[in-house]
Amino acid sequence: MKLHRAALTMVAWYLLMAPTFRDPQTNSFRIDLNAPLSAWEFVSSYYSANDCGFAQRDLDETSAQYLNVIGFYTLCIASDDPRLSGR
């Protein structure tokens, strides 16, 4: 019974990406870092903050190799973070 209860309280980690939008004035893409976390895009989930951090670094390194990819901002956050309410 203790194992079952522990499994229910385990916290996952989410890799989220800030929402992007096209700025009509400049015809370029912008990153909305002020958007609430509930509006950020889900990328993937992990069992630990460490695993999420590794994935985040890999994603950043991969995107840096492509000149035509717009910049983006990612964040690792615990699944029980209250700022995710509304998801």
Protein backbone atom coordinates (compact mmCIF):
# COMPACT_ATOMS: atom_id res chain seq x y z
CA MET A 1 0.00 0.00 0.00
CA LYS A 2 2.85 2.41 0.73
CA LEU A 3 4.26 1.96 -2.78
CA HIS A 4 0.90 2.77 -4.32
CA ARG A 5 0.54 5.92 -2.24
CA ALA A 6 4.09 7.01 -3.15
CA ALA A 7 3.35 6.53 -6.85
CA LEU A 8 0.33 8.82 -6.58
CA THR A 9 2.39 11.61 -5.04
CA MET A 10 5.33 11.39 -7.48
CA VAL A 11 5.97 14.68 -9.24
CA ALA A 12 6.71 14.68 -12.96
CA TRP A 13 8.63 17.41 -14.74
CA TYR A 14 7.37 19.14 -17.86
CA LEU A 15 9.43 20.77 -20.57
CA LEU A 16 7.40 23.71 -21.83
CA MET A 17 8.01 26.18 -24.65
CA ALA A 18 6.93 29.80 -24.50
CA PRO A 19 4.23 30.68 -27.02
CA THR A 20 5.30 32.50 -30.17
CA PHE A 21 3.32 34.87 -32.35
CA ARG A 22 3.82 36.88 -35.51
CA ASP A 23 4.21 40.61 -34.87
CA PRO A 24 2.19 42.32 -37.63
CA GLN A 25 4.16 45.56 -37.32
CA THR A 26 7.53 43.97 -38.02
CA ASN A 27 6.33 40.79 -39.78
CA SER A 28 8.62 38.80 -37.49
CA PHE A 29 8.04 36.19 -34.83
CA ARG A 30 8.09 37.12 -31.15
CA ILE A 31 8.29 35.02 -28.02
CA ASP A 32 5.72 35.80 -25.34
CA LEU A 33 7.62 35.33 -22.07
CA ASN A 34 4.83 37.13 -20.20
CA ALA A 35 2.21 34.52 -21.08
CA PRO A 36 0.94 32.52 -18.11
CA LEU A 37 2.50 29.07 -17.87
CA SER A 38 -0.89 27.51 -18.57
CA ALA A 39 -0.57 28.99 -22.10
CA TRP A 40 2.92 27.59 -22.76
CA GLU A 41 3.21 24.64 -25.13
CA PHE A 42 3.86 21.18 -23.73
CA VAL A 43 6.98 19.60 -25.27
CA SER A 44 7.52 16.46 -23.15
CA SER A 45 7.51 15.07 -19.60
CA TYR A 46 10.24 13.53 -17.45
CA TYR A 47 10.63 11.66 -14.17
CA SER A 48 13.17 14.09 -12.73
CA ALA A 49 14.26 17.71 -12.95
CA ASN A 50 17.69 16.47 -14.00
CA ASP A 51 16.30 14.52 -16.98
CA CYS A 52 14.22 17.53 -18.01
CA GLY A 53 17.27 19.78 -17.80
CA PHE A 54 19.28 17.45 -20.05
CA ALA A 55 16.47 17.42 -22.62
CA GLN A 56 16.22 21.21 -22.44
CA ARG A 57 19.93 21.63 -23.15
CA ASP A 58 19.78 19.13 -26.03
CA LEU A 59 16.85 20.99 -27.56
CA ASP A 60 18.64 24.33 -27.25
CA GLU A 61 21.82 22.94 -28.84
CA THR A 62 19.88 21.35 -31.70
CA SER A 63 17.93 24.52 -32.51
CA ALA A 64 21.13 26.60 -32.49
CA GLN A 65 22.35 24.57 -35.49
CA TYR A 66 19.56 25.82 -37.75
CA LEU A 67 19.71 29.41 -38.92
CA ASN A 68 16.14 29.49 -40.26
CA VAL A 69 14.55 28.35 -36.99
CA ILE A 70 13.16 31.13 -34.85
CA GLY A 71 14.51 31.34 -31.35
CA PHE A 72 12.47 29.86 -28.59
CA TYR A 73 12.53 29.72 -24.84
CA THR A 74 11.96 26.53 -22.86
CA LEU A 75 11.41 25.90 -19.18
CA CYS A 76 11.40 22.81 -16.97
CA ILE A 77 8.68 22.93 -14.36
CA ALA A 78 7.25 20.52 -11.80
CA SER A 79 3.86 19.07 -12.65
CA ASP A 80 2.45 20.25 -9.32
CA ASP A 81 3.49 23.90 -9.82
CA PRO A 82 0.41 26.04 -9.04
CA ARG A 83 1.15 28.33 -12.01
CA LEU A 84 0.05 25.50 -14.30
CA SER A 85 -3.56 25.72 -13.15
CA GLY A 86 -5.87 26.11 -16.06
CA ARG A 87 -4.08 23.42 -18.08
